[in-house]
C-alpha atoms as a PDB file:
ATOM      1  CA  MET A   1      25.632 -29.762  13.128  1.00  0.00           C
ATOM      2  CA  ILE A   2      27.759 -30.208  10.002  1.00  0.00           C
ATOM      3  CA  ASN A   3      27.663 -33.449   8.036  1.00  0.00           C
ATOM      4  CA  LEU A   4      31.069 -34.353   6.672  1.00  0.00           C
ATOM      5  CA  VAL A   5      31.115 -35.826   3.165  1.00  0.00           C
ATOM      6  CA  VAL A   6      34.201 -37.866   2.321  1.00  0.00           C
ATOM      7  CA  TYR A   7      34.738 -39.074  -1.230  1.00  0.00           C
ATOM      8  CA  GLN A   8      36.609 -42.343  -1.362  1.00  0.00           C
ATOM      9  CA  GLY A   9      38.435 -43.556  -4.438  1.00  0.00           C
ATOM     10  CA  ASN A  10      40.684 -42.018  -7.046  1.00  0.00           C
ATOM     11  CA  VAL A  11      39.699 -38.970  -9.064  1.00  0.00           C
ATOM     12  CA  GLY A  12      38.282 -40.154 -12.378  1.00  0.00           C
ATOM     13  CA  ASP A  13      37.667 -43.677 -11.061  1.00  0.00           C
ATOM     14  CA  THR A  14      33.930 -44.174 -11.549  1.00  0.00           C
ATOM     15  CA  SER A  15      33.886 -47.883 -10.741  1.00  0.00           C
ATOM     16  CA  GLU A  16      32.810 -47.426  -7.121  1.00  0.00           C
ATOM     17  CA  MET A  17      32.908 -44.177  -5.158  1.00  0.00           C
ATOM     18  CA  PRO A  18      30.671 -44.305  -2.098  1.00  0.00           C
ATOM     19  CA  ILE A  19      30.218 -41.229   0.015  1.00  0.00           C
ATOM     20  CA  THR A  20      30.355 -41.336   3.786  1.00  0.00           C
ATOM     21  CA  LEU A  21      27.839 -39.426   5.865  1.00  0.00           C
ATOM     22  CA  ASN A  22      27.912 -39.694   9.646  1.00  0.00           C
ATOM     23  CA  GLY A  23      30.024 -42.847   9.447  1.00  0.00           C
ATOM     24  CA  GLN A  24      27.728 -44.684   6.958  1.00  0.00           C
ATOM     25  CA  SER A  25      28.722 -45.339   3.330  1.00  0.00           C
ATOM     26  CA  TYR A  26      26.187 -44.606   0.604  1.00  0.00           C
ATOM     27  CA  TYR A  27      26.098 -45.106  -3.169  1.00  0.00           C
ATOM     28  CA  ARG A  28      24.327 -42.931  -5.694  1.00  0.00           C
ATOM     29  CA  THR A  29      21.961 -44.276  -8.358  1.00  0.00           C
ATOM     30  CA  ALA A  30      24.500 -44.294 -11.222  1.00  0.00           C
ATOM     31  CA  GLU A  31      27.052 -46.113  -9.071  1.00  0.00           C
ATOM     32  CA  VAL A  32      24.471 -48.712  -8.066  1.00  0.00           C
ATOM     33  CA  TYR A  33      23.295 -49.718 -11.537  1.00  0.00           C
ATOM     34  CA  ARG A  34      26.889 -49.841 -12.785  1.00  0.00           C
ATOM     35  CA  LEU A  35      28.005 -51.998  -9.842  1.00  0.00           C
ATOM     36  CA  ILE A  36      25.111 -54.385 -10.373  1.00  0.00           C
ATOM     37  CA  GLY A  37      25.396 -54.478 -14.158  1.00  0.00           C
ATOM     38  CA  ILE A  38      21.846 -53.420 -14.990  1.00  0.00           C
ATOM     39  CA  SER A  39      20.411 -50.452 -16.848  1.00  0.00           C
ATOM     40  CA  ARG A  40      19.184 -47.321 -15.123  1.00  0.00           C
ATOM     41  CA  ASN A  41      15.658 -48.062 -16.349  1.00  0.00           C
ATOM     42  CA  THR A  42      15.762 -51.549 -14.815  1.00  0.00           C
ATOM     43  CA  LEU A  43      16.868 -50.111 -11.466  1.00  0.00           C
ATOM     44  CA  TYR A  44      14.053 -47.536 -11.526  1.00  0.00           C
ATOM     45  CA  ARG A  45      11.517 -50.219 -12.473  1.00  0.00           C
ATOM     46  CA  TRP A  46      12.639 -52.416  -9.557  1.00  0.00           C
ATOM     47  CA  LEU A  47      12.405 -49.468  -7.182  1.00  0.00           C
ATOM     48  CA  GLN A  48       8.868 -48.690  -8.396  1.00  0.00           C
ATOM     49  CA  ARG A  49       7.919 -52.337  -7.806  1.00  0.00           C
ATOM     50  CA  GLY A  50       9.223 -52.095  -4.247  1.00  0.00           C
ATOM     51  CA  VAL A  51      12.188 -54.474  -4.441  1.00  0.00           C
ATOM     52  CA  LEU A  52      13.844 -52.565  -1.573  1.00  0.00           C
ATOM     53  CA  GLY A  53      10.668 -51.715   0.317  1.00  0.00           C
ATOM     54  CA  GLU A  54       9.286 -48.293   1.081  1.00  0.00           C
ATOM     55  CA  SER A  55      12.131 -46.508   2.863  1.00  0.00           C
ATOM     56  CA  GLU A  56      14.636 -44.447   0.964  1.00  0.00           C
ATOM     57  CA  ARG A  57      17.372 -41.907   1.653  1.00  0.00           C
ATOM     58  CA  ARG A  58      18.162 -38.777  -0.296  1.00  0.00           C
ATOM     59  CA  ASP A  59      20.862 -36.158  -0.009  1.00  0.00           C
ATOM     60  CA  ARG A  60      20.011 -32.479   0.147  1.00  0.00           C
ATOM     61  CA  ARG A  61      20.033 -32.291  -3.666  1.00  0.00           C
ATOM     62  CA  GLY A  62      17.328 -34.951  -3.767  1.00  0.00           C
ATOM     63  CA  TRP A  63      19.611 -37.682  -5.112  1.00  0.00           C
ATOM     64  CA  ARG A  64      18.746 -41.194  -3.973  1.00  0.00           C
ATOM     65  CA  LEU A  65      21.326 -42.859  -1.706  1.00  0.00           C
ATOM     66  CA  PHE A  66      21.743 -46.619  -1.241  1.00  0.00           C
ATOM     67  CA  THR A  67      23.493 -48.501   1.552  1.00  0.00           C
ATOM     68  CA  ARG A  68      25.873 -51.382   0.837  1.00  0.00           C
ATOM     69  CA  ASP A  69      23.199 -53.764   2.119  1.00  0.00           C
ATOM     70  CA  GLU A  70      20.710 -52.407  -0.428  1.00  0.00           C
ATOM     71  CA  VAL A  71      23.288 -52.757  -3.216  1.00  0.00           C
ATOM     72  CA  ASP A  72      23.845 -56.379  -2.176  1.00  0.00           C
ATOM     73  CA  ARG A  73      20.088 -57.034  -2.166  1.00  0.00           C
ATOM     74  CA  LEU A  74      19.801 -55.575  -5.661  1.00  0.00           C
ATOM     75  CA  LYS A  75      22.731 -57.727  -6.831  1.00  0.00           C
ATOM     76  CA  SER A  76      20.878 -60.737  -5.502  1.00  0.00           C
ATOM     77  CA  GLU A  77      17.781 -59.682  -7.426  1.00  0.00           C
ATOM     78  CA  ALA A  78      19.851 -59.314 -10.604  1.00  0.00           C
ATOM     79  CA  GLY A  79      21.152 -62.857 -10.194  1.00  0.00           C
ATOM     80  CA  ARG A  80      17.777 -64.392  -9.382  1.00  0.00           C
ATOM     81  CA  ILE A  81      16.500 -67.062 -11.745  1.00  0.00           C
ATOM     82  CA  ILE A  82      12.785 -67.439 -12.254  1.00  0.00           C
ATOM     83  CA  THR A  83      10.936 -70.348 -13.796  1.00  0.00           C
ATOM     84  CA  ILE A  84       8.203 -69.669 -16.313  1.00  0.00           C
ATOM     85  CA  VAL A  85       5.827 -72.549 -16.896  1.00  0.00           C
ATOM     86  CA  LYS A  86       4.258 -72.564 -20.350  1.00  0.00           C
ATOM     87  CA  ARG A  87       0.904 -74.215 -20.767  1.00  0.00           C
END
């Protein structure tokens, strides 16, 4: 079975270029942290803390792939406000 990879977007446009595998769109790590507006280190820290849970997808090169739902969950995390109570 051959998996078809379709690149969407214009050449040179790095704003958002998901790939499609078996009918599902995926984003790579660099695309995700740019879309969300956080640093790469922040994204990796959140992933280590389990913000998205335990499951993950990787392409055959070992690059992490994120679904649109995961990107939206990370955006929500980036916009979350926490309250710190000082004593």
